[in-house]
């Protein structure tokens, strides 16, 4: 099930494979690179034709990330 906290990438011809979990989805906008997602799961195995790889959408968790960083800052 795809949630708002996910981002789908690709069409199954290439993408995330077993063991890639936690890896970055790096995107470029305006000449800058940013972390858009973290490898989460796929339909089955790797590169299933016609199906995307699923990443956890980092922007969805921005508030939580900032709160954790602030609560642990010295």
PDB file of N, CA and C in Angstrom:
ATOM      1  N   UNK A   1       0.846  -1.181   0.000  1.00  0.00           N
ATOM      2  CA  UNK A   1       0.000   0.000   0.000  1.00  0.00           C
ATOM      3  C   UNK A   1       0.884   1.234   0.000  1.00  0.00           C
ATOM      4  N   UNK A   2       0.641   2.155  -0.903  1.00  0.00           N
ATOM      5  CA  UNK A   2       1.403   3.389  -1.008  1.00  0.00           C
ATOM      6  C   UNK A   2       0.737   4.459  -0.142  1.00  0.00           C
ATOM      7  N   UNK A   3       1.536   5.099   0.703  1.00  0.00           N
ATOM      8  CA  UNK A   3       1.054   6.131   1.617  1.00  0.00           C
ATOM      9  C   UNK A   3       1.602   7.494   1.223  1.00  0.00           C
ATOM     10  N   UNK A   4       1.086   8.562   1.852  1.00  0.00           N
ATOM     11  CA  UNK A   4       1.618   9.904   1.612  1.00  0.00           C
ATOM     12  C   UNK A   4       3.076  10.017   2.029  1.00  0.00           C
ATOM     13  N   UNK A   5       3.517   9.146   2.897  1.00  0.00           N
ATOM     14  CA  UNK A   5       4.904   9.169   3.371  1.00  0.00           C
ATOM     15  C   UNK A   5       5.844   8.420   2.428  1.00  0.00           C
ATOM     16  N   UNK A   6       5.326   7.965   1.290  1.00  0.00           N
ATOM     17  CA  UNK A   6       6.136   7.247   0.302  1.00  0.00           C
ATOM     18  C   UNK A   6       6.308   8.080  -0.960  1.00  0.00           C
ATOM     19  N   UNK A   7       7.337   7.764  -1.711  1.00  0.00           N
ATOM     20  CA  UNK A   7       7.515   8.299  -3.056  1.00  0.00           C
ATOM     21  C   UNK A   7       7.923   7.120  -3.936  1.00  0.00           C
ATOM     22  N   UNK A   8       7.268   6.995  -5.082  1.00  0.00           N
ATOM     23  CA  UNK A   8       7.560   5.907  -6.015  1.00  0.00           C
ATOM     24  C   UNK A   8       8.465   6.430  -7.120  1.00  0.00           C
ATOM     25  N   UNK A   9       9.464   5.626  -7.486  1.00  0.00           N
ATOM     26  CA  UNK A   9      10.436   6.047  -8.486  1.00  0.00           C
ATOM     27  C   UNK A   9      10.665   4.915  -9.478  1.00  0.00           C
ATOM     28  N   UNK A  10      10.686   5.255 -10.755  1.00  0.00           N
ATOM     29  CA  UNK A  10      11.031   4.293 -11.791  1.00  0.00           C
ATOM     30  C   UNK A  10       9.839   3.518 -12.296  1.00  0.00           C
ATOM     31  N   UNK A  11      10.137   2.641 -13.239  1.00  0.00           N
ATOM     32  CA  UNK A  11       9.089   1.830 -13.850  1.00  0.00           C
ATOM     33  C   UNK A  11       9.397   0.340 -13.774  1.00  0.00           C
ATOM     34  N   UNK A  12      10.399  -0.021 -13.004  1.00  0.00           N
ATOM     35  CA  UNK A  12      10.753  -1.423 -12.856  1.00  0.00           C
ATOM     36  C   UNK A  12      11.892  -1.869 -13.739  1.00  0.00           C
ATOM     37  N   UNK A  13      12.286  -1.039 -14.693  1.00  0.00           N
ATOM     38  CA  UNK A  13      13.413  -1.413 -15.548  1.00  0.00           C
ATOM     39  C   UNK A  13      14.743  -1.279 -14.815  1.00  0.00           C
ATOM     40  N   UNK A  14      14.791  -0.405 -13.849  1.00  0.00           N
ATOM     41  CA  UNK A  14      15.953  -0.300 -12.961  1.00  0.00           C
ATOM     42  C   UNK A  14      15.469   0.306 -11.654  1.00  0.00           C
ATOM     43  N   UNK A  15      16.220   0.111 -10.609  1.00  0.00           N
ATOM     44  CA  UNK A  15      15.784   0.639  -9.323  1.00  0.00           C
ATOM     45  C   UNK A  15      16.397  -0.117  -8.178  1.00  0.00           C
ATOM     46  N   UNK A  16      15.742  -0.027  -7.047  1.00  0.00           N
ATOM     47  CA  UNK A  16      16.247  -0.632  -5.819  1.00  0.00           C
ATOM     48  C   UNK A  16      16.153  -2.158  -5.876  1.00  0.00           C
ATOM     49  N   UNK A  17      17.125  -2.808  -5.237  1.00  0.00           N
ATOM     50  CA  UNK A  17      17.167  -4.270  -5.155  1.00  0.00           C
ATOM     51  C   UNK A  17      17.269  -4.704  -3.703  1.00  0.00           C
ATOM     52  N   UNK A  18      17.161  -6.000  -3.473  1.00  0.00           N
ATOM     53  CA  UNK A  18      17.333  -6.545  -2.128  1.00  0.00           C
ATOM     54  C   UNK A  18      18.665  -6.073  -1.567  1.00  0.00           C
ATOM     55  N   UNK A  19      18.654  -5.641  -0.328  1.00  0.00           N
ATOM     56  CA  UNK A  19      19.869  -5.159   0.318  1.00  0.00           C
ATOM     57  C   UNK A  19      20.079  -3.664   0.181  1.00  0.00           C
ATOM     58  N   UNK A  20      19.252  -2.985  -0.620  1.00  0.00           N
ATOM     59  CA  UNK A  20      19.389  -1.537  -0.807  1.00  0.00           C
ATOM     60  C   UNK A  20      18.659  -0.727   0.259  1.00  0.00           C
ATOM     61  N   UNK A  21      17.887  -1.372   1.113  1.00  0.00           N
ATOM     62  CA  UNK A  21      17.099  -0.658   2.117  1.00  0.00           C
ATOM     63  C   UNK A  21      17.961   0.300   2.920  1.00  0.00           C
ATOM     64  N   UNK A  22      17.433   1.515   3.095  1.00  0.00           N
ATOM     65  CA  UNK A  22      18.164   2.546   3.832  1.00  0.00           C
ATOM     66  C   UNK A  22      19.036   3.410   2.948  1.00  0.00           C
ATOM     67  N   UNK A  23      19.191   3.018   1.692  1.00  0.00           N
ATOM     68  CA  UNK A  23      20.005   3.802   0.759  1.00  0.00           C
ATOM     69  C   UNK A  23      19.292   5.083   0.344  1.00  0.00           C
ATOM     70  N   UNK A  24      20.047   6.072  -0.143  1.00  0.00           N
ATOM     71  CA  UNK A  24      19.471   7.380  -0.452  1.00  0.00           C
ATOM     72  C   UNK A  24      18.821   7.470  -1.834  1.00  0.00           C
ATOM     73  N   UNK A  25      17.797   8.291  -1.923  1.00  0.00           N
ATOM     74  CA  UNK A  25      17.259   8.760  -3.193  1.00  0.00           C
ATOM     75  C   UNK A  25      17.656  10.228  -3.272  1.00  0.00           C
ATOM     76  N   UNK A  26      18.659  10.518  -4.064  1.00  0.00           N
ATOM     77  CA  UNK A  26      19.185  11.873  -4.188  1.00  0.00           C
ATOM     78  C   UNK A  26      18.595  12.514  -5.438  1.00  0.00           C
ATOM     79  N   UNK A  27      18.074  13.722  -5.286  1.00  0.00           N
ATOM     80  CA  UNK A  27      17.527  14.470  -6.414  1.00  0.00           C
ATOM     81  C   UNK A  27      18.270  15.793  -6.542  1.00  0.00           C
ATOM     82  N   UNK A  28      18.168  16.382  -7.724  1.00  0.00           N
ATOM     83  CA  UNK A  28      18.822  17.669  -7.949  1.00  0.00           C
ATOM     84  C   UNK A  28      17.772  18.685  -8.367  1.00  0.00           C
ATOM     85  N   UNK A  29      17.823  19.839  -7.729  1.00  0.00           N
ATOM     86  CA  UNK A  29      16.921  20.936  -8.063  1.00  0.00           C
ATOM     87  C   UNK A  29      17.711  22.233  -7.973  1.00  0.00           C
ATOM     88  N   UNK A  30      17.669  23.017  -9.024  1.00  0.00           N
ATOM     89  CA  UNK A  30      18.347  24.305  -9.017  1.00  0.00           C
ATOM     90  C   UNK A  30      19.840  24.205  -8.770  1.00  0.00           C
ATOM     91  N   UNK A  31      20.457  23.138  -9.238  1.00  0.00           N
ATOM     92  CA  UNK A  31      21.897  22.970  -9.063  1.00  0.00           C
ATOM     93  C   UNK A  31      22.298  22.410  -7.713  1.00  0.00           C
ATOM     94  N   UNK A  32      21.326  22.117  -6.849  1.00  0.00           N
ATOM     95  CA  UNK A  32      21.608  21.567  -5.521  1.00  0.00           C
ATOM     96  C   UNK A  32      21.093  20.137  -5.434  1.00  0.00           C
ATOM     97  N   UNK A  33      21.820  19.310  -4.724  1.00  0.00           N
ATOM     98  CA  UNK A  33      21.399  17.932  -4.474  1.00  0.00           C
ATOM     99  C   UNK A  33      20.755  17.857  -3.088  1.00  0.00           C
ATOM    100  N   UNK A  34      19.726  17.062  -2.955  1.00  0.00           N
ATOM    101  CA  UNK A  34      19.078  16.892  -1.655  1.00  0.00           C
ATOM    102  C   UNK A  34      18.579  15.454  -1.508  1.00  0.00           C
ATOM    103  N   UNK A  35      18.431  15.050  -0.254  1.00  0.00           N
ATOM    104  CA  UNK A  35      17.930  13.718   0.065  1.00  0.00           C
ATOM    105  C   UNK A  35      16.408  13.745  -0.015  1.00  0.00           C
ATOM    106  N   UNK A  36      15.851  13.102  -1.026  1.00  0.00           N
ATOM    107  CA  UNK A  36      14.406  13.094  -1.230  1.00  0.00           C
ATOM    108  C   UNK A  36      13.742  11.875  -0.604  1.00  0.00           C
ATOM    109  N   UNK A  37      14.489  10.775  -0.495  1.00  0.00           N
ATOM    110  CA  UNK A  37      13.897   9.557   0.033  1.00  0.00           C
ATOM    111  C   UNK A  37      14.935   8.583   0.537  1.00  0.00           C
ATOM    112  N   UNK A  38      14.441   7.594   1.243  1.00  0.00           N
ATOM    113  CA  UNK A  38      15.270   6.508   1.766  1.00  0.00           C
ATOM    114  C   UNK A  38      14.646   5.206   1.262  1.00  0.00           C
ATOM    115  N   UNK A  39      15.463   4.353   0.640  1.00  0.00           N
ATOM    116  CA  UNK A  39      14.954   3.111   0.061  1.00  0.00           C
ATOM    117  C   UNK A  39      14.161   2.333   1.100  1.00  0.00           C
ATOM    118  N   UNK A  40      12.942   1.956   0.727  1.00  0.00           N
ATOM    119  CA  UNK A  40      12.066   1.278   1.667  1.00  0.00           C
ATOM    120  C   UNK A  40      11.720  -0.135   1.192  1.00  0.00           C
ATOM    121  N   UNK A  41      11.029  -0.256   0.059  1.00  0.00           N
ATOM    122  CA  UNK A  41      10.623  -1.577  -0.409  1.00  0.00           C
ATOM    123  C   UNK A  41      10.252  -1.546  -1.893  1.00  0.00           C
ATOM    124  N   UNK A  42      10.062  -2.717  -2.442  1.00  0.00           N
ATOM    125  CA  UNK A  42       9.618  -2.874  -3.822  1.00  0.00           C
ATOM    126  C   UNK A  42       8.574  -3.968  -3.873  1.00  0.00           C
ATOM    127  N   UNK A  43       8.012  -4.185  -5.040  1.00  0.00           N
ATOM    128  CA  UNK A  43       6.952  -5.178  -5.182  1.00  0.00           C
ATOM    129  C   UNK A  43       7.474  -6.577  -4.894  1.00  0.00           C
ATOM    130  N   UNK A  44       8.574  -6.935  -5.523  1.00  0.00           N
ATOM    131  CA  UNK A  44       9.189  -8.231  -5.232  1.00  0.00           C
ATOM    132  C   UNK A  44      10.610  -8.224  -5.761  1.00  0.00           C
ATOM    133  N   UNK A  45      11.522  -8.684  -4.945  1.00  0.00           N
ATOM    134  CA  UNK A  45      12.910  -8.766  -5.382  1.00  0.00           C
ATOM    135  C   UNK A  45      13.439  -7.436  -5.844  1.00  0.00           C
ATOM    136  N   UNK A  46      13.881  -7.419  -7.097  1.00  0.00           N
ATOM    137  CA  UNK A  46      14.391  -6.154  -7.604  1.00  0.00           C
ATOM    138  C   UNK A  46      14.021  -5.969  -9.059  1.00  0.00           C
ATOM    139  N   UNK A  47      13.795  -4.737  -9.404  1.00  0.00           N
ATOM    140  CA  UNK A  47      13.519  -4.332 -10.778  1.00  0.00           C
ATOM    141  C   UNK A  47      12.381  -5.125 -11.413  1.00  0.00           C
ATOM    142  N   UNK A  48      11.237  -5.148 -10.760  1.00  0.00           N
ATOM    143  CA  UNK A  48      10.075  -5.832 -11.310  1.00  0.00           C
ATOM    144  C   UNK A  48       9.479  -4.960 -12.410  1.00  0.00           C
ATOM    145  N   UNK A  49       9.508  -5.433 -13.643  1.00  0.00           N
ATOM    146  CA  UNK A  49       9.062  -4.650 -14.794  1.00  0.00           C
ATOM    147  C   UNK A  49       7.659  -4.103 -14.581  1.00  0.00           C
ATOM    148  N   UNK A  50       7.531  -2.797 -14.800  1.00  0.00           N
ATOM    149  CA  UNK A  50       6.241  -2.141 -14.676  1.00  0.00           C
ATOM    150  C   UNK A  50       5.907  -1.648 -13.288  1.00  0.00           C
ATOM    151  N   UNK A  51       6.768  -1.906 -12.307  1.00  0.00           N
ATOM    152  CA  UNK A  51       6.506  -1.479 -10.938  1.00  0.00           C
ATOM    153  C   UNK A  51       7.657  -0.620 -10.429  1.00  0.00           C
ATOM    154  N   UNK A  52       7.339   0.424  -9.668  1.00  0.00           N
ATOM    155  CA  UNK A  52       8.384   1.318  -9.167  1.00  0.00           C
ATOM    156  C   UNK A  52       9.039   0.793  -7.900  1.00  0.00           C
ATOM    157  N   UNK A  53      10.158   1.403  -7.562  1.00  0.00           N
ATOM    158  CA  UNK A  53      10.759   1.205  -6.243  1.00  0.00           C
ATOM    159  C   UNK A  53      10.070   2.188  -5.301  1.00  0.00           C
ATOM    160  N   UNK A  54       9.933   1.826  -4.041  1.00  0.00           N
ATOM    161  CA  UNK A  54       9.244   2.681  -3.078  1.00  0.00           C
ATOM    162  C   UNK A  54      10.244   3.181  -2.045  1.00  0.00           C
ATOM    163  N   UNK A  55      10.242   4.487  -1.861  1.00  0.00           N
ATOM    164  CA  UNK A  55      11.133   5.146  -0.914  1.00  0.00           C
ATOM    165  C   UNK A  55      10.302   5.846   0.150  1.00  0.00           C
ATOM    166  N   UNK A  56      10.850   5.981   1.348  1.00  0.00           N
ATOM    167  CA  UNK A  56      10.223   6.794   2.380  1.00  0.00           C
ATOM    168  C   UNK A  56      10.511   8.247   2.043  1.00  0.00           C
ATOM    169  N   UNK A  57       9.475   9.070   1.993  1.00  0.00           N
ATOM    170  CA  UNK A  57       9.583  10.483   1.621  1.00  0.00           C
ATOM    171  C   UNK A  57      10.145  11.280   2.802  1.00  0.00           C
ATOM    172  N   UNK A  58      11.374  11.765   2.667  1.00  0.00           N
ATOM    173  CA  UNK A  58      12.048  12.486   3.750  1.00  0.00           C
ATOM    174  C   UNK A  58      11.277  13.749   4.135  1.00  0.00           C
ATOM    175  N   UNK A  59      10.755  14.487   3.162  1.00  0.00           N
ATOM    176  CA  UNK A  59      10.036  15.735   3.447  1.00  0.00           C
ATOM    177  C   UNK A  59       8.835  15.501   4.364  1.00  0.00           C
ATOM    178  N   UNK A  60       8.243  14.324   4.301  1.00  0.00           N
ATOM    179  CA  UNK A  60       7.091  13.998   5.147  1.00  0.00           C
ATOM    180  C   UNK A  60       7.473  14.011   6.626  1.00  0.00           C
ATOM    181  N   UNK A  61       8.731  13.713   6.907  1.00  0.00           N
ATOM    182  CA  UNK A  61       9.207  13.602   8.285  1.00  0.00           C
ATOM    183  C   UNK A  61      10.073  14.778   8.725  1.00  0.00           C
ATOM    184  N   UNK A  62      10.076  15.880   7.962  1.00  0.00           N
ATOM    185  CA  UNK A  62      10.940  17.019   8.270  1.00  0.00           C
ATOM    186  C   UNK A  62      10.716  17.556   9.680  1.00  0.00           C
ATOM    187  N   UNK A  63       9.473  17.756  10.089  1.00  0.00           N
ATOM    188  CA  UNK A  63       9.196  18.278  11.436  1.00  0.00           C
ATOM    189  C   UNK A  63       9.749  17.346  12.507  1.00  0.00           C
ATOM    190  N   UNK A  64       9.517  16.054  12.345  1.00  0.00           N
ATOM    191  CA  UNK A  64      10.021  15.078  13.318  1.00  0.00           C
ATOM    192  C   UNK A  64      11.546  15.106  13.361  1.00  0.00           C
ATOM    193  N   UNK A  65      12.193  15.138  12.205  1.00  0.00           N
ATOM    194  CA  UNK A  65      13.658  15.176  12.143  1.00  0.00           C
ATOM    195  C   UNK A  65      14.183  16.408  12.869  1.00  0.00           C
ATOM    196  N   UNK A  66      13.582  17.571  12.614  1.00  0.00           N
ATOM    197  CA  UNK A  66      14.026  18.799  13.274  1.00  0.00           C
ATOM    198  C   UNK A  66      13.828  18.728  14.782  1.00  0.00           C
ATOM    199  N   UNK A  67      12.715  18.163  15.239  1.00  0.00           N
ATOM    200  CA  UNK A  67      12.469  18.026  16.682  1.00  0.00           C
ATOM    201  C   UNK A  67      13.497  17.121  17.341  1.00  0.00           C
ATOM    202  N   UNK A  68      13.826  16.012  16.703  1.00  0.00           N
ATOM    203  CA  UNK A  68      14.816  15.091  17.258  1.00  0.00           C
ATOM    204  C   UNK A  68      16.179  15.758  17.317  1.00  0.00           C
ATOM    205  N   UNK A  69      16.557  16.458  16.255  1.00  0.00           N
ATOM    206  CA  UNK A  69      17.855  17.140  16.238  1.00  0.00           C
ATOM    207  C   UNK A  69      17.915  18.194  17.337  1.00  0.00           C
ATOM    208  N   UNK A  70      16.866  18.995  17.478  1.00  0.00           N
ATOM    209  CA  UNK A  70      16.844  20.039  18.505  1.00  0.00           C
ATOM    210  C   UNK A  70      16.882  19.456  19.908  1.00  0.00           C
ATOM    211  N   UNK A  71      16.209  18.355  20.130  1.00  0.00           N
ATOM    212  CA  UNK A  71      16.171  17.773  21.476  1.00  0.00           C
ATOM    213  C   UNK A  71      17.488  17.108  21.857  1.00  0.00           C
ATOM    214  N   UNK A  72      18.338  16.825  20.868  1.00  0.00           N
ATOM    215  CA  UNK A  72      19.619  16.187  21.150  1.00  0.00           C
ATOM    216  C   UNK A  72      20.805  17.117  20.937  1.00  0.00           C
ATOM    217  N   UNK A  73      20.527  18.397  20.640  1.00  0.00           N
ATOM    218  CA  UNK A  73      21.640  19.329  20.417  1.00  0.00           C
ATOM    219  C   UNK A  73      22.273  19.709  21.747  1.00  0.00           C
ATOM    220  N   UNK A  74      23.548  20.011  21.673  1.00  0.00           N
ATOM    221  CA  UNK A  74      24.299  20.315  22.894  1.00  0.00           C
ATOM    222  C   UNK A  74      24.485  21.799  23.016  1.00  0.00           C
TER     223      UNK A  74
END
